[in-house]
Every structure is written in C-alpha cells, then in structure tokens.
Amino acid sequence: MTAVAAEFETFKQSLIDQGREQALKKGREQGLALAILTVLAARKVKMNARFKTQVETCTDPALLERWLTRAATATAAAKVIADS
C-alpha cells in the first residue's frame, strides 16, 4: 500500500468514525425525546404541538434526561420544560 493510499484509508476511517458518533448521538436524542412523549402520553398529560416540537428538536442529552425525569411526575407538560 502506498503512503497516499494509507493516508486515504486513515482519513476515510476517521470520517466513518465521526459519522457513527453523530448517528449514535442523534439516536440517543431521538430516543430520549420519544421516551418523554411516551411517558407523558401514558400518564394522559396533555401536550400541544409546540411542546412536542420543543422536545423533538432538543439536541442536549443532559437536558432531555432532566426532562425525562420530570415527565415521570409532572402533572402538566409545561412543568417538564420549566426553567429550560
């Protein structure tokens, strides 16, 4: 293998690794968002479209985890995202 080919393979692998990391992060965000909405729906907490969109578009895993914890006991959707 030539030096150029080896360098290309290294570059290609780094792009694959970056793509994998981004996909895993996005999947985690989507899973947390789905969990929040599912918990609230199961508890019959009303959610409007704006709330759902805010949850579904959030890209901060720590914030989503905090919201999920709140969703377990919140009596209103607004209480889940309060102070956010």
N, C-alpha and C. Protein backbone atom coordinates (compact mmCIF):
# COMPACT_ATOMS: atom_id res chain seq x y z
N MET A 1 0.85 -1.17 0.00
CA MET A 1 0.00 0.00 0.00
C MET A 1 0.90 1.24 0.00
N THR A 2 0.57 2.16 -0.85
CA THR A 2 1.36 3.38 -0.93
C THR A 2 1.05 4.30 0.26
N ALA A 3 1.90 5.27 0.45
CA ALA A 3 1.70 6.23 1.54
C ALA A 3 0.41 7.01 1.33
N VAL A 4 0.11 7.35 0.09
CA VAL A 4 -1.12 8.09 -0.21
C VAL A 4 -2.35 7.23 0.08
N ALA A 5 -2.28 5.98 -0.29
CA ALA A 5 -3.40 5.06 -0.04
C ALA A 5 -3.60 4.86 1.46
N ALA A 6 -2.52 4.74 2.18
CA ALA A 6 -2.61 4.57 3.64
C ALA A 6 -3.20 5.82 4.29
N GLU A 7 -2.77 6.98 3.82
CA GLU A 7 -3.30 8.23 4.35
C GLU A 7 -4.80 8.36 4.04
N PHE A 8 -5.17 7.96 2.84
CA PHE A 8 -6.58 8.00 2.46
C PHE A 8 -7.41 7.06 3.34
N GLU A 9 -6.93 5.88 3.60
CA GLU A 9 -7.64 4.91 4.45
C GLU A 9 -7.83 5.46 5.86
N THR A 10 -6.79 6.10 6.37
CA THR A 10 -6.88 6.71 7.70
C THR A 10 -7.93 7.81 7.71
N PHE A 11 -7.91 8.65 6.70
CA PHE A 11 -8.88 9.74 6.57
C PHE A 11 -10.29 9.18 6.43
N LYS A 12 -10.44 8.16 5.59
CA LYS A 12 -11.75 7.54 5.38
C LYS A 12 -12.29 6.96 6.68
N GLN A 13 -11.44 6.29 7.44
CA GLN A 13 -11.87 5.70 8.71
C GLN A 13 -12.28 6.77 9.71
N SER A 14 -11.56 7.90 9.71
CA SER A 14 -11.92 8.98 10.64
C SER A 14 -13.29 9.54 10.28
N LEU A 15 -13.60 9.64 9.01
CA LEU A 15 -14.93 10.11 8.59
C LEU A 15 -16.02 9.10 8.99
N ILE A 16 -15.74 7.85 8.83
CA ILE A 16 -16.69 6.80 9.24
C ILE A 16 -16.93 6.87 10.74
N ASP A 17 -15.87 7.03 11.50
CA ASP A 17 -15.99 7.12 12.96
C ASP A 17 -16.80 8.34 13.38
N GLN A 18 -16.54 9.48 12.73
CA GLN A 18 -17.28 10.70 13.04
C GLN A 18 -18.77 10.52 12.72
N GLY A 19 -19.06 9.92 11.58
CA GLY A 19 -20.44 9.67 11.19
C GLY A 19 -21.15 8.76 12.16
N ARG A 20 -20.45 7.74 12.61
CA ARG A 20 -21.02 6.79 13.58
C ARG A 20 -21.33 7.50 14.89
N GLU A 21 -20.39 8.33 15.36
CA GLU A 21 -20.59 9.07 16.61
C GLU A 21 -21.79 10.02 16.50
N GLN A 22 -21.90 10.71 15.37
CA GLN A 22 -23.02 11.63 15.17
C GLN A 22 -24.34 10.87 15.12
N ALA A 23 -24.35 9.73 14.47
CA ALA A 23 -25.57 8.93 14.38
C ALA A 23 -25.99 8.40 15.75
N LEU A 24 -25.03 7.96 16.54
CA LEU A 24 -25.34 7.48 17.89
C LEU A 24 -25.88 8.61 18.76
N LYS A 25 -25.29 9.79 18.66
CA LYS A 25 -25.76 10.94 19.43
C LYS A 25 -27.18 11.30 19.02
N LYS A 26 -27.43 11.36 17.73
CA LYS A 26 -28.77 11.69 17.24
C LYS A 26 -29.78 10.63 17.67
N GLY A 27 -29.40 9.38 17.61
CA GLY A 27 -30.29 8.29 18.04
C GLY A 27 -30.61 8.38 19.51
N ARG A 28 -29.63 8.74 20.31
CA ARG A 28 -29.85 8.91 21.76
C ARG A 28 -30.82 10.06 22.01
N GLU A 29 -30.62 11.18 21.31
CA GLU A 29 -31.51 12.33 21.46
C GLU A 29 -32.95 11.96 21.07
N GLN A 30 -33.10 11.27 19.95
CA GLN A 30 -34.43 10.87 19.49
C GLN A 30 -35.08 9.90 20.47
N GLY A 31 -34.28 8.99 21.00
CA GLY A 31 -34.81 8.02 21.96
C GLY A 31 -35.28 8.68 23.25
N LEU A 32 -34.51 9.64 23.74
CA LEU A 32 -34.92 10.36 24.94
C LEU A 32 -36.18 11.18 24.69
N ALA A 33 -36.24 11.84 23.54
CA ALA A 33 -37.43 12.63 23.19
C ALA A 33 -38.66 11.72 23.11
N LEU A 34 -38.52 10.60 22.47
CA LEU A 34 -39.63 9.66 22.36
C LEU A 34 -40.05 9.16 23.74
N ALA A 35 -39.09 8.90 24.60
CA ALA A 35 -39.40 8.44 25.95
C ALA A 35 -40.19 9.49 26.72
N ILE A 36 -39.80 10.75 26.60
CA ILE A 36 -40.52 11.83 27.29
C ILE A 36 -41.97 11.88 26.82
N LEU A 37 -42.15 11.88 25.51
CA LEU A 37 -43.51 11.97 24.96
C LEU A 37 -44.34 10.73 25.31
N THR A 38 -43.71 9.58 25.32
CA THR A 38 -44.41 8.34 25.65
C THR A 38 -44.84 8.31 27.12
N VAL A 39 -43.95 8.72 28.00
CA VAL A 39 -44.28 8.75 29.43
C VAL A 39 -45.45 9.71 29.67
N LEU A 40 -45.37 10.88 29.08
CA LEU A 40 -46.46 11.86 29.28
C LEU A 40 -47.77 11.36 28.69
N ALA A 41 -47.71 10.76 27.53
CA ALA A 41 -48.93 10.22 26.91
C ALA A 41 -49.53 9.11 27.76
N ALA A 42 -48.69 8.24 28.28
CA ALA A 42 -49.17 7.14 29.13
C ALA A 42 -49.81 7.67 30.40
N ARG A 43 -49.31 8.79 30.86
CA ARG A 43 -49.85 9.40 32.07
C ARG A 43 -51.02 10.34 31.76
N LYS A 44 -51.39 10.41 30.47
CA LYS A 44 -52.51 11.24 30.00
C LYS A 44 -52.29 12.74 30.26
N VAL A 45 -51.04 13.16 30.17
CA VAL A 45 -50.71 14.58 30.29
C VAL A 45 -50.87 15.20 28.90
N LYS A 46 -51.65 16.27 28.81
CA LYS A 46 -51.88 16.92 27.52
C LYS A 46 -50.63 17.64 27.05
N MET A 47 -50.36 17.50 25.75
CA MET A 47 -49.20 18.13 25.13
C MET A 47 -49.64 18.81 23.85
N ASN A 48 -49.24 20.07 23.68
CA ASN A 48 -49.57 20.74 22.42
C ASN A 48 -48.43 20.55 21.42
N ALA A 49 -48.68 20.96 20.20
CA ALA A 49 -47.70 20.77 19.12
C ALA A 49 -46.40 21.51 19.41
N ARG A 50 -46.49 22.69 20.00
CA ARG A 50 -45.28 23.47 20.31
C ARG A 50 -44.40 22.73 21.31
N PHE A 51 -45.02 22.16 22.34
CA PHE A 51 -44.28 21.39 23.33
C PHE A 51 -43.60 20.19 22.67
N LYS A 52 -44.36 19.44 21.88
CA LYS A 52 -43.80 18.26 21.21
C LYS A 52 -42.61 18.64 20.33
N THR A 53 -42.76 19.73 19.60
CA THR A 53 -41.67 20.18 18.73
C THR A 53 -40.44 20.56 19.53
N GLN A 54 -40.65 21.23 20.66
CA GLN A 54 -39.51 21.62 21.50
C GLN A 54 -38.77 20.38 22.01
N VAL A 55 -39.50 19.37 22.41
CA VAL A 55 -38.87 18.14 22.89
C VAL A 55 -38.16 17.43 21.74
N GLU A 56 -38.84 17.30 20.61
CA GLU A 56 -38.29 16.56 19.47
C GLU A 56 -37.08 17.23 18.84
N THR A 57 -36.94 18.54 18.98
CA THR A 57 -35.83 19.25 18.34
C THR A 57 -34.68 19.55 19.31
N CYS A 58 -34.84 19.18 20.56
CA CYS A 58 -33.77 19.41 21.54
C CYS A 58 -32.58 18.51 21.22
N THR A 59 -31.39 19.08 21.27
CA THR A 59 -30.17 18.33 20.96
C THR A 59 -29.22 18.23 22.15
N ASP A 60 -29.73 18.53 23.33
CA ASP A 60 -28.92 18.49 24.56
C ASP A 60 -29.31 17.26 25.37
N PRO A 61 -28.51 16.19 25.34
CA PRO A 61 -28.87 14.97 26.06
C PRO A 61 -29.08 15.17 27.56
N ALA A 62 -28.29 16.03 28.18
CA ALA A 62 -28.45 16.28 29.62
C ALA A 62 -29.80 16.92 29.91
N LEU A 63 -30.20 17.85 29.07
CA LEU A 63 -31.49 18.50 29.23
C LEU A 63 -32.62 17.51 28.99
N LEU A 64 -32.50 16.67 27.97
CA LEU A 64 -33.52 15.66 27.70
C LEU A 64 -33.64 14.67 28.87
N GLU A 65 -32.53 14.30 29.46
CA GLU A 65 -32.58 13.40 30.62
C GLU A 65 -33.29 14.07 31.79
N ARG A 66 -33.02 15.36 31.99
CA ARG A 66 -33.69 16.10 33.07
C ARG A 66 -35.20 16.16 32.80
N TRP A 67 -35.57 16.41 31.55
CA TRP A 67 -36.99 16.45 31.18
C TRP A 67 -37.65 15.08 31.38
N LEU A 68 -36.93 14.02 31.04
CA LEU A 68 -37.49 12.68 31.21
C LEU A 68 -37.77 12.39 32.68
N THR A 69 -36.87 12.78 33.53
CA THR A 69 -37.07 12.60 34.97
C THR A 69 -38.31 13.37 35.43
N ARG A 70 -38.43 14.60 34.96
CA ARG A 70 -39.60 15.41 35.32
C ARG A 70 -40.89 14.83 34.75
N ALA A 71 -40.82 14.26 33.56
CA ALA A 71 -42.01 13.70 32.90
C ALA A 71 -42.64 12.59 33.73
N ALA A 72 -41.83 11.92 34.52
CA ALA A 72 -42.33 10.81 35.34
C ALA A 72 -43.32 11.28 36.39
N THR A 73 -43.22 12.54 36.81
CA THR A 73 -44.09 13.02 37.89
C THR A 73 -44.87 14.28 37.55
N ALA A 74 -44.57 14.92 36.43
CA ALA A 74 -45.21 16.19 36.07
C ALA A 74 -46.71 16.01 35.83
N THR A 75 -47.46 17.00 36.26
CA THR A 75 -48.91 16.99 36.04
C THR A 75 -49.29 17.83 34.83
N ALA A 76 -48.32 18.55 34.28
CA ALA A 76 -48.54 19.35 33.07
C ALA A 76 -47.27 19.37 32.25
N ALA A 77 -47.43 19.39 30.94
CA ALA A 77 -46.27 19.39 30.05
C ALA A 77 -45.35 20.58 30.32
N ALA A 78 -45.93 21.72 30.63
CA ALA A 78 -45.12 22.92 30.87
C ALA A 78 -44.17 22.72 32.05
N LYS A 79 -44.55 21.90 33.00
CA LYS A 79 -43.68 21.65 34.15
C LYS A 79 -42.45 20.84 33.78
N VAL A 80 -42.54 20.08 32.71
CA VAL A 80 -41.41 19.27 32.25
C VAL A 80 -40.28 20.16 31.76
N ILE A 81 -40.63 21.19 31.02
CA ILE A 81 -39.62 22.05 30.41
C ILE A 81 -39.43 23.37 31.15
N ALA A 82 -40.03 23.50 32.31
CA ALA A 82 -39.88 24.73 33.10
C ALA A 82 -38.41 24.99 33.38
N ASP A 83 -38.03 26.25 33.37
CA ASP A 83 -36.64 26.67 33.65
C ASP A 83 -35.66 26.19 32.60
N SER A 84 -36.12 25.95 31.39
CA SER A 84 -35.22 25.45 30.35
C SER A 84 -34.95 26.51 29.32
